[in-house]
Amino acid sequence: MKYIDVHLREQKISERSVDRLKYAAEHAPCGRFEIKNVTGELWDGHEVRALEERGLWEVEWLEPGDVEHQGGWKVLGLNDVARNVIRKWDERSAR
């Protein structure tokens, strides 16, 4: 599915990323190890960073001096763009 990100660029989003957004919508704030303990999945930091850069959620990077955002993280919550993406995904899936 395509959507417009916070930088007004057209982006594609995968089912996997939408699932990540849905999980965060229900459980935020949630961190890497908490998610792994609950779901059994270890989310890739690159994916977390990419969704943050597209403005879909707010992330706290936990390691001081981690300017490249490769260390520990916690998803704090979604923004309106992400909630819109989830709503449109669900509408599309219901057809």
PDB file of N, CA and C in Angstrom:
ATOM      1  N   MET A   1       0.846  -1.175   0.000  1.00  0.00           N
ATOM      2  CA  MET A   1       0.000   0.000   0.000  1.00  0.00           C
ATOM      3  C   MET A   1       0.888   1.233   0.000  1.00  0.00           C
ATOM      4  N   LYS A   2       0.424   2.278  -0.655  1.00  0.00           N
ATOM      5  CA  LYS A   2       1.165   3.526  -0.680  1.00  0.00           C
ATOM      6  C   LYS A   2       0.516   4.535   0.261  1.00  0.00           C
ATOM      7  N   TYR A   3       1.333   5.434   0.786  1.00  0.00           N
ATOM      8  CA  TYR A   3       0.861   6.514   1.653  1.00  0.00           C
ATOM      9  C   TYR A   3       1.823   7.686   1.527  1.00  0.00           C
ATOM     10  N   ILE A   4       1.440   8.824   2.069  1.00  0.00           N
ATOM     11  CA  ILE A   4       2.282  10.015   2.061  1.00  0.00           C
ATOM     12  C   ILE A   4       2.861  10.176   3.465  1.00  0.00           C
ATOM     13  N   ASP A   5       4.201  10.216   3.556  1.00  0.00           N
ATOM     14  CA  ASP A   5       4.841  10.326   4.872  1.00  0.00           C
ATOM     15  C   ASP A   5       4.860  11.783   5.361  1.00  0.00           C
ATOM     16  N   VAL A   6       5.450  12.014   6.516  1.00  0.00           N
ATOM     17  CA  VAL A   6       5.469  13.357   7.105  1.00  0.00           C
ATOM     18  C   VAL A   6       6.307  14.339   6.295  1.00  0.00           C
ATOM     19  N   HIS A   7       7.149  13.830   5.407  1.00  0.00           N
ATOM     20  CA  HIS A   7       7.968  14.690   4.555  1.00  0.00           C
ATOM     21  C   HIS A   7       7.311  14.909   3.190  1.00  0.00           C
ATOM     22  N   LEU A   8       6.026  14.491   3.097  1.00  0.00           N
ATOM     23  CA  LEU A   8       5.213  14.624   1.890  1.00  0.00           C
ATOM     24  C   LEU A   8       5.769  13.842   0.699  1.00  0.00           C
ATOM     25  N   ARG A   9       6.412  12.710   1.009  1.00  0.00           N
ATOM     26  CA  ARG A   9       6.909  11.807  -0.023  1.00  0.00           C
ATOM     27  C   ARG A   9       6.029  10.568  -0.054  1.00  0.00           C
ATOM     28  N   GLU A  10       5.784  10.076  -1.256  1.00  0.00           N
ATOM     29  CA  GLU A  10       5.017   8.845  -1.381  1.00  0.00           C
ATOM     30  C   GLU A  10       5.901   7.669  -0.964  1.00  0.00           C
ATOM     31  N   GLN A  11       5.362   6.817  -0.114  1.00  0.00           N
ATOM     32  CA  GLN A  11       6.077   5.644   0.388  1.00  0.00           C
ATOM     33  C   GLN A  11       5.205   4.412   0.221  1.00  0.00           C
ATOM     34  N   LYS A  12       5.841   3.256   0.182  1.00  0.00           N
ATOM     35  CA  LYS A  12       5.132   1.973   0.222  1.00  0.00           C
ATOM     36  C   LYS A  12       5.333   1.396   1.610  1.00  0.00           C
ATOM     37  N   ILE A  13       4.334   0.690   2.085  1.00  0.00           N
ATOM     38  CA  ILE A  13       4.467   0.034   3.386  1.00  0.00           C
ATOM     39  C   ILE A  13       4.049  -1.427   3.235  1.00  0.00           C
ATOM     40  N   SER A  14       4.794  -2.283   3.910  1.00  0.00           N
ATOM     41  CA  SER A  14       4.534  -3.725   3.825  1.00  0.00           C
ATOM     42  C   SER A  14       3.568  -4.160   4.926  1.00  0.00           C
ATOM     43  N   GLU A  15       3.019  -5.346   4.748  1.00  0.00           N
ATOM     44  CA  GLU A  15       2.142  -5.917   5.770  1.00  0.00           C
ATOM     45  C   GLU A  15       2.897  -6.072   7.087  1.00  0.00           C
ATOM     46  N   ARG A  16       4.149  -6.478   6.996  1.00  0.00           N
ATOM     47  CA  ARG A  16       4.972  -6.648   8.203  1.00  0.00           C
ATOM     48  C   ARG A  16       5.112  -5.329   8.968  1.00  0.00           C
ATOM     49  N   SER A  17       5.358  -4.243   8.249  1.00  0.00           N
ATOM     50  CA  SER A  17       5.496  -2.941   8.910  1.00  0.00           C
ATOM     51  C   SER A  17       4.177  -2.488   9.510  1.00  0.00           C
ATOM     52  N   VAL A  18       3.078  -2.755   8.831  1.00  0.00           N
ATOM     53  CA  VAL A  18       1.765  -2.416   9.390  1.00  0.00           C
ATOM     54  C   VAL A  18       1.523  -3.218  10.663  1.00  0.00           C
ATOM     55  N   ASP A  19       1.917  -4.481  10.656  1.00  0.00           N
ATOM     56  CA  ASP A  19       1.793  -5.294  11.870  1.00  0.00           C
ATOM     57  C   ASP A  19       2.604  -4.698  13.018  1.00  0.00           C
ATOM     58  N   ARG A  20       3.781  -4.173  12.710  1.00  0.00           N
ATOM     59  CA  ARG A  20       4.614  -3.521  13.728  1.00  0.00           C
ATOM     60  C   ARG A  20       3.893  -2.285  14.287  1.00  0.00           C
ATOM     61  N   LEU A  21       3.316  -1.502  13.395  1.00  0.00           N
ATOM     62  CA  LEU A  21       2.586  -0.309  13.832  1.00  0.00           C
ATOM     63  C   LEU A  21       1.398  -0.693  14.716  1.00  0.00           C
ATOM     64  N   LYS A  22       0.678  -1.731  14.326  1.00  0.00           N
ATOM     65  CA  LYS A  22      -0.475  -2.175  15.109  1.00  0.00           C
ATOM     66  C   LYS A  22      -0.047  -2.637  16.501  1.00  0.00           C
ATOM     67  N   TYR A  23       1.059  -3.365  16.561  1.00  0.00           N
ATOM     68  CA  TYR A  23       1.555  -3.815  17.866  1.00  0.00           C
ATOM     69  C   TYR A  23       1.893  -2.612  18.738  1.00  0.00           C
ATOM     70  N   ALA A  24       2.607  -1.654  18.170  1.00  0.00           N
ATOM     71  CA  ALA A  24       3.003  -0.465  18.928  1.00  0.00           C
ATOM     72  C   ALA A  24       1.780   0.347  19.348  1.00  0.00           C
ATOM     73  N   ALA A  25       0.761   0.397  18.499  1.00  0.00           N
ATOM     74  CA  ALA A  25      -0.458   1.135  18.835  1.00  0.00           C
ATOM     75  C   ALA A  25      -1.099   0.584  20.101  1.00  0.00           C
ATOM     76  N   GLU A  26      -1.014  -0.721  20.281  1.00  0.00           N
ATOM     77  CA  GLU A  26      -1.635  -1.369  21.438  1.00  0.00           C
ATOM     78  C   GLU A  26      -0.730  -1.431  22.664  1.00  0.00           C
ATOM     79  N   HIS A  27       0.595  -1.447  22.460  1.00  0.00           N
ATOM     80  CA  HIS A  27       1.497  -1.744  23.571  1.00  0.00           C
ATOM     81  C   HIS A  27       2.514  -0.659  23.911  1.00  0.00           C
ATOM     82  N   ALA A  28       2.566   0.421  23.152  1.00  0.00           N
ATOM     83  CA  ALA A  28       3.578   1.458  23.411  1.00  0.00           C
ATOM     84  C   ALA A  28       3.352   2.099  24.772  1.00  0.00           C
ATOM     85  N   PRO A  29       4.426   2.446  25.453  1.00  0.00           N
ATOM     86  CA  PRO A  29       5.809   2.293  25.036  1.00  0.00           C
ATOM     87  C   PRO A  29       6.264   0.834  25.142  1.00  0.00           C
ATOM     88  N   CYS A  30       7.053   0.422  24.164  1.00  0.00           N
ATOM     89  CA  CYS A  30       7.546  -0.954  24.144  1.00  0.00           C
ATOM     90  C   CYS A  30       8.945  -0.980  23.544  1.00  0.00           C
ATOM     91  N   GLY A  31       9.808  -1.755  24.165  1.00  0.00           N
ATOM     92  CA  GLY A  31      11.192  -1.846  23.733  1.00  0.00           C
ATOM     93  C   GLY A  31      11.505  -3.163  23.064  1.00  0.00           C
ATOM     94  N   ARG A  32      12.699  -3.223  22.522  1.00  0.00           N
ATOM     95  CA  ARG A  32      13.154  -4.373  21.735  1.00  0.00           C
ATOM     96  C   ARG A  32      13.004  -5.696  22.489  1.00  0.00           C
ATOM     97  N   PHE A  33      13.475  -5.770  23.728  1.00  0.00           N
ATOM     98  CA  PHE A  33      13.457  -7.045  24.447  1.00  0.00           C
ATOM     99  C   PHE A  33      12.070  -7.395  24.962  1.00  0.00           C
ATOM    100  N   GLU A  34      11.304  -6.386  25.346  1.00  0.00           N
ATOM    101  CA  GLU A  34       9.923  -6.629  25.760  1.00  0.00           C
ATOM    102  C   GLU A  34       9.129  -7.231  24.600  1.00  0.00           C
ATOM    103  N   ILE A  35       9.313  -6.680  23.395  1.00  0.00           N
ATOM    104  CA  ILE A  35       8.611  -7.187  22.220  1.00  0.00           C
ATOM    105  C   ILE A  35       9.031  -8.624  21.933  1.00  0.00           C
ATOM    106  N   LYS A  36      10.329  -8.905  22.027  1.00  0.00           N
ATOM    107  CA  LYS A  36      10.820 -10.261  21.780  1.00  0.00           C
ATOM    108  C   LYS A  36      10.237 -11.242  22.793  1.00  0.00           C
ATOM    109  N   ASN A  37      10.149 -10.833  24.054  1.00  0.00           N
ATOM    110  CA  ASN A  37       9.598 -11.713  25.085  1.00  0.00           C
ATOM    111  C   ASN A  37       8.119 -12.013  24.845  1.00  0.00           C
ATOM    112  N   VAL A  38       7.371 -11.033  24.335  1.00  0.00           N
ATOM    113  CA  VAL A  38       5.932 -11.205  24.117  1.00  0.00           C
ATOM    114  C   VAL A  38       5.643 -11.917  22.801  1.00  0.00           C
ATOM    115  N   THR A  39       6.316 -11.492  21.720  1.00  0.00           N
ATOM    116  CA  THR A  39       5.974 -11.997  20.381  1.00  0.00           C
ATOM    117  C   THR A  39       6.912 -13.081  19.879  1.00  0.00           C
ATOM    118  N   GLY A  40       8.100 -13.175  20.472  1.00  0.00           N
ATOM    119  CA  GLY A  40       9.103 -14.108  19.984  1.00  0.00           C
ATOM    120  C   GLY A  40       9.899 -13.566  18.810  1.00  0.00           C
ATOM    121  N   GLU A  41       9.568 -12.351  18.367  1.00  0.00           N
ATOM    122  CA  GLU A  41      10.262 -11.742  17.235  1.00  0.00           C
ATOM    123  C   GLU A  41      11.245 -10.694  17.726  1.00  0.00           C
ATOM    124  N   LEU A  42      12.387 -10.625  17.089  1.00  0.00           N
ATOM    125  CA  LEU A  42      13.355  -9.572  17.369  1.00  0.00           C
ATOM    126  C   LEU A  42      13.294  -8.584  16.213  1.00  0.00           C
ATOM    127  N   TRP A  43      12.726  -7.413  16.477  1.00  0.00           N
ATOM    128  CA  TRP A  43      12.577  -6.421  15.430  1.00  0.00           C
ATOM    129  C   TRP A  43      13.933  -5.864  15.046  1.00  0.00           C
ATOM    130  N   ASP A  44      14.139  -5.680  13.770  1.00  0.00           N
ATOM    131  CA  ASP A  44      15.377  -5.147  13.234  1.00  0.00           C
ATOM    132  C   ASP A  44      15.450  -3.633  13.487  1.00  0.00           C
ATOM    133  N   GLY A  45      16.569  -3.177  14.032  1.00  0.00           N
ATOM    134  CA  GLY A  45      16.760  -1.759  14.314  1.00  0.00           C
ATOM    135  C   GLY A  45      16.648  -0.895  13.073  1.00  0.00           C
ATOM    136  N   HIS A  46      17.071  -1.444  11.932  1.00  0.00           N
ATOM    137  CA  HIS A  46      16.968  -0.700  10.672  1.00  0.00           C
ATOM    138  C   HIS A  46      15.507  -0.395  10.337  1.00  0.00           C
ATOM    139  N   GLU A  47      14.646  -1.378  10.531  1.00  0.00           N
ATOM    140  CA  GLU A  47      13.222  -1.190  10.254  1.00  0.00           C
ATOM    141  C   GLU A  47      12.614  -0.168  11.214  1.00  0.00           C
ATOM    142  N   VAL A  48      12.994  -0.263  12.479  1.00  0.00           N
ATOM    143  CA  VAL A  48      12.505   0.694  13.479  1.00  0.00           C
ATOM    144  C   VAL A  48      12.921   2.107  13.087  1.00  0.00           C
ATOM    145  N   ARG A  49      14.170   2.253  12.713  1.00  0.00           N
ATOM    146  CA  ARG A  49      14.705   3.559  12.311  1.00  0.00           C
ATOM    147  C   ARG A  49      14.009   4.076  11.050  1.00  0.00           C
ATOM    148  N   ALA A  50      13.773   3.202  10.068  1.00  0.00           N
ATOM    149  CA  ALA A  50      13.122   3.613   8.821  1.00  0.00           C
ATOM    150  C   ALA A  50      11.707   4.123   9.083  1.00  0.00           C
ATOM    151  N   LEU A  51      10.959   3.425   9.939  1.00  0.00           N
ATOM    152  CA  LEU A  51       9.602   3.874  10.245  1.00  0.00           C
ATOM    153  C   LEU A  51       9.620   5.182  11.038  1.00  0.00           C
ATOM    154  N   GLU A  52      10.650   5.359  11.854  1.00  0.00           N
ATOM    155  CA  GLU A  52      10.805   6.626  12.581  1.00  0.00           C
ATOM    156  C   GLU A  52      11.110   7.756  11.593  1.00  0.00           C
ATOM    157  N   GLU A  53      12.013   7.515  10.664  1.00  0.00           N
ATOM    158  CA  GLU A  53      12.396   8.544   9.694  1.00  0.00           C
ATOM    159  C   GLU A  53      11.230   8.942   8.790  1.00  0.00           C
ATOM    160  N   ARG A  54      10.318   8.024   8.562  1.00  0.00           N
ATOM    161  CA  ARG A  54       9.124   8.336   7.768  1.00  0.00           C
ATOM    162  C   ARG A  54       8.060   9.032   8.613  1.00  0.00           C
ATOM    163  N   GLY A  55       8.345   9.184   9.900  1.00  0.00           N
ATOM    164  CA  GLY A  55       7.446   9.903  10.782  1.00  0.00           C
ATOM    165  C   GLY A  55       6.236   9.116  11.225  1.00  0.00           C
ATOM    166  N   LEU A  56       6.363   7.789  11.267  1.00  0.00           N
ATOM    167  CA  LEU A  56       5.225   6.972  11.658  1.00  0.00           C
ATOM    168  C   LEU A  56       5.129   6.759  13.165  1.00  0.00           C
ATOM    169  N   TRP A  57       6.266   6.808  13.842  1.00  0.00           N
ATOM    170  CA  TRP A  57       6.238   6.661  15.293  1.00  0.00           C
ATOM    171  C   TRP A  57       7.400   7.399  15.925  1.00  0.00           C
ATOM    172  N   GLU A  58       7.265   7.610  17.230  1.00  0.00           N
ATOM    173  CA  GLU A  58       8.316   8.268  18.012  1.00  0.00           C
ATOM    174  C   GLU A  58       9.140   7.168  18.683  1.00  0.00           C
ATOM    175  N   VAL A  59      10.458   7.299  18.581  1.00  0.00           N
ATOM    176  CA  VAL A  59      11.362   6.309  19.151  1.00  0.00           C
ATOM    177  C   VAL A  59      12.357   7.001  20.065  1.00  0.00           C
ATOM    178  N   GLU A  60      12.606   6.384  21.208  1.00  0.00           N
ATOM    179  CA  GLU A  60      13.675   6.842  22.100  1.00  0.00           C
ATOM    180  C   GLU A  60      14.846   5.881  21.908  1.00  0.00           C
ATOM    181  N   TRP A  61      15.994   6.438  21.515  1.00  0.00           N
ATOM    182  CA  TRP A  61      17.204   5.633  21.349  1.00  0.00           C
ATOM    183  C   TRP A  61      17.924   5.658  22.684  1.00  0.00           C
ATOM    184  N   LEU A  62      18.176   4.497  23.247  1.00  0.00           N
ATOM    185  CA  LEU A  62      18.543   4.367  24.651  1.00  0.00           C
ATOM    186  C   LEU A  62      20.032   4.463  24.957  1.00  0.00           C
ATOM    187  N   GLU A  63      20.866   4.344  23.965  1.00  0.00           N
ATOM    188  CA  GLU A  63      22.301   4.343  24.240  1.00  0.00           C
ATOM    189  C   GLU A  63      22.888   5.730  23.985  1.00  0.00           C
ATOM    190  N   PRO A  64      23.481   6.342  25.014  1.00  0.00           N
ATOM    191  CA  PRO A  64      24.060   7.680  24.857  1.00  0.00           C
ATOM    192  C   PRO A  64      25.112   7.700  23.749  1.00  0.00           C
ATOM    193  N   GLY A  65      25.080   8.747  22.944  1.00  0.00           N
ATOM    194  CA  GLY A  65      26.057   8.892  21.877  1.00  0.00           C
ATOM    195  C   GLY A  65      25.789   8.039  20.658  1.00  0.00           C
ATOM    196  N   ASP A  66      24.658   7.388  20.595  1.00  0.00           N
ATOM    197  CA  ASP A  66      24.319   6.504  19.471  1.00  0.00           C
ATOM    198  C   ASP A  66      23.718   7.331  18.335  1.00  0.00           C
ATOM    199  N   VAL A  67      24.553   8.128  17.684  1.00  0.00           N
ATOM    200  CA  VAL A  67      24.062   9.041  16.654  1.00  0.00           C
ATOM    201  C   VAL A  67      23.555   8.304  15.417  1.00  0.00           C
ATOM    202  N   GLU A  68      24.021   7.101  15.182  1.00  0.00           N
ATOM    203  CA  GLU A  68      23.562   6.318  14.036  1.00  0.00           C
ATOM    204  C   GLU A  68      22.334   5.468  14.368  1.00  0.00           C
ATOM    205  N   HIS A  69      21.869   5.536  15.615  1.00  0.00           N
ATOM    206  CA  HIS A  69      20.680   4.809  16.067  1.00  0.00           C
ATOM    207  C   HIS A  69      20.746   3.329  15.716  1.00  0.00           C
ATOM    208  N   GLN A  70      21.774   2.670  16.240  1.00  0.00           N
ATOM    209  CA  GLN A  70      21.936   1.246  15.992  1.00  0.00           C
ATOM    210  C   GLN A  70      21.772   0.416  17.258  1.00  0.00           C
ATOM    211  N   GLY A  71      21.679   1.065  18.400  1.00  0.00           N
ATOM    212  CA  GLY A  71      21.611   0.347  19.664  1.00  0.00           C
ATOM    213  C   GLY A  71      20.187   0.132  20.138  1.00  0.00           C
ATOM    214  N   GLY A  72      20.032   0.119  21.465  1.00  0.00           N
ATOM    215  CA  GLY A  72      18.740  -0.131  22.076  1.00  0.00           C
ATOM    216  C   GLY A  72      17.740   0.971  21.782  1.00  0.00           C
ATOM    217  N   TRP A  73      16.462   0.614  21.752  1.00  0.00           N
ATOM    218  CA  TRP A  73      15.418   1.572  21.443  1.00  0.00           C
ATOM    219  C   TRP A  73      14.131   1.206  22.143  1.00  0.00           C
ATOM    220  N   LYS A  74      13.234   2.187  22.194  1.00  0.00           N
ATOM    221  CA  LYS A  74      11.892   1.990  22.736  1.00  0.00           C
ATOM    222  C   LYS A  74      10.931   2.803  21.875  1.00  0.00           C
ATOM    223  N   VAL A  75       9.895   2.158  21.354  1.00  0.00           N
ATOM    224  CA  VAL A  75       8.863   2.862  20.601  1.00  0.00           C
ATOM    225  C   VAL A  75       7.942   3.517  21.616  1.00  0.00           C
ATOM    226  N   LEU A  76       7.830   4.833  21.540  1.00  0.00           N
ATOM    227  CA  LEU A  76       7.034   5.585  22.508  1.00  0.00           C
ATOM    228  C   LEU A  76       5.571   5.700  22.103  1.00  0.00           C
ATOM    229  N   GLY A  77       5.317   5.701  20.818  1.00  0.00           N
ATOM    230  CA  GLY A  77       3.933   5.812  20.357  1.00  0.00           C
ATOM    231  C   GLY A  77       3.864   6.178  18.890  1.00  0.00           C
ATOM    232  N   LEU A  78       2.652   6.107  18.358  1.00  0.00           N
ATOM    233  CA  LEU A  78       2.408   6.411  16.953  1.00  0.00           C
ATOM    234  C   LEU A  78       1.952   7.856  16.798  1.00  0.00           C
ATOM    235  N   ASN A  79       2.055   8.353  15.572  1.00  0.00           N
ATOM    236  CA  ASN A  79       1.506   9.670  15.284  1.00  0.00           C
ATOM    237  C   ASN A  79       0.286   9.515  14.372  1.00  0.00           C
ATOM    238  N   ASP A  80      -0.272  10.635  13.938  1.00  0.00           N
ATOM    239  CA  ASP A  80      -1.486  10.595  13.124  1.00  0.00           C
ATOM    240  C   ASP A  80      -1.278   9.909  11.778  1.00  0.00           C
ATOM    241  N   VAL A  81      -0.102  10.073  11.178  1.00  0.00           N
ATOM    242  CA  VAL A  81       0.172   9.425   9.894  1.00  0.00           C
ATOM    243  C   VAL A  81       0.074   7.909  10.058  1.00  0.00           C
ATOM    244  N   ALA A  82       0.675   7.384  11.105  1.00  0.00           N
ATOM    245  CA  ALA A  82       0.644   5.932  11.344  1.00  0.00           C
ATOM    246  C   ALA A  82      -0.770   5.443  11.610  1.00  0.00           C
ATOM    247  N   ARG A  83      -1.520   6.174  12.404  1.00  0.00           N
ATOM    248  CA  ARG A  83      -2.904   5.762  12.674  1.00  0.00           C
ATOM    249  C   ARG A  83      -3.732   5.765  11.391  1.00  0.00           C
ATOM    250  N   ASN A  84      -3.466   6.732  10.513  1.00  0.00           N
ATOM    251  CA  ASN A  84      -4.138   6.790   9.219  1.00  0.00           C
ATOM    252  C   ASN A  84      -3.764   5.601   8.345  1.00  0.00           C
ATOM    253  N   VAL A  85      -2.477   5.245   8.336  1.00  0.00           N
ATOM    254  CA  VAL A  85      -2.004   4.091   7.556  1.00  0.00           C
ATOM    255  C   VAL A  85      -2.710   2.823   8.034  1.00  0.00           C
ATOM    256  N   ILE A  86      -2.787   2.627   9.349  1.00  0.00           N
ATOM    257  CA  ILE A  86      -3.457   1.441   9.897  1.00  0.00           C
ATOM    258  C   ILE A  86      -4.924   1.424   9.486  1.00  0.00           C
ATOM    259  N   ARG A  87      -5.601   2.566   9.621  1.00  0.00           N
ATOM    260  CA  ARG A  87      -7.022   2.647   9.272  1.00  0.00           C
ATOM    261  C   ARG A  87      -7.238   2.302   7.799  1.00  0.00           C
ATOM    262  N   LYS A  88      -6.419   2.888   6.918  1.00  0.00           N
ATOM    263  CA  LYS A  88      -6.568   2.621   5.484  1.00  0.00           C
ATOM    264  C   LYS A  88      -6.231   1.173   5.142  1.00  0.00           C
ATOM    265  N   TRP A  89      -5.223   0.608   5.822  1.00  0.00           N
ATOM    266  CA  TRP A  89      -4.863  -0.792   5.596  1.00  0.00           C
ATOM    267  C   TRP A  89      -6.034  -1.699   5.973  1.00  0.00           C
ATOM    268  N   ASP A  90      -6.633  -1.426   7.125  1.00  0.00           N
ATOM    269  CA  ASP A  90      -7.759  -2.235   7.591  1.00  0.00           C
ATOM    270  C   ASP A  90      -8.963  -2.105   6.654  1.00  0.00           C
ATOM    271  N   GLU A  91      -9.219  -0.884   6.179  1.00  0.00           N
ATOM    272  CA  GLU A  91     -10.316  -0.685   5.234  1.00  0.00           C
ATOM    273  C   GLU A  91     -10.075  -1.465   3.946  1.00  0.00           C
ATOM    274  N   ARG A  92      -8.848  -1.399   3.472  1.00  0.00           N
ATOM    275  CA  ARG A  92      -8.494  -2.110   2.235  1.00  0.00           C
ATOM    276  C   ARG A  92      -8.603  -3.624   2.420  1.00  0.00           C
ATOM    277  N   SER A  93      -8.190  -4.102   3.584  1.00  0.00           N
ATOM    278  CA  SER A  93      -8.229  -5.545   3.865  1.00  0.00           C
ATOM    279  C   SER A  93      -9.667  -6.053   4.026  1.00  0.00           C
ATOM    280  N   ALA A  94     -10.578  -5.173   4.446  1.00  0.00           N
ATOM    281  CA  ALA A  94     -11.957  -5.579   4.661  1.00  0.00           C
ATOM    282  C   ALA A  94     -12.745  -5.751   3.359  1.00  0.00           C
ATOM    283  N   ARG A  95     -12.212  -5.250   2.274  1.00  0.00           N
ATOM    284  CA  ARG A  95     -12.915  -5.343   0.976  1.00  0.00           C
ATOM    285  C   ARG A  95     -12.931  -6.726   0.426  1.00  0.00           C
TER     286      ARG A  95
END
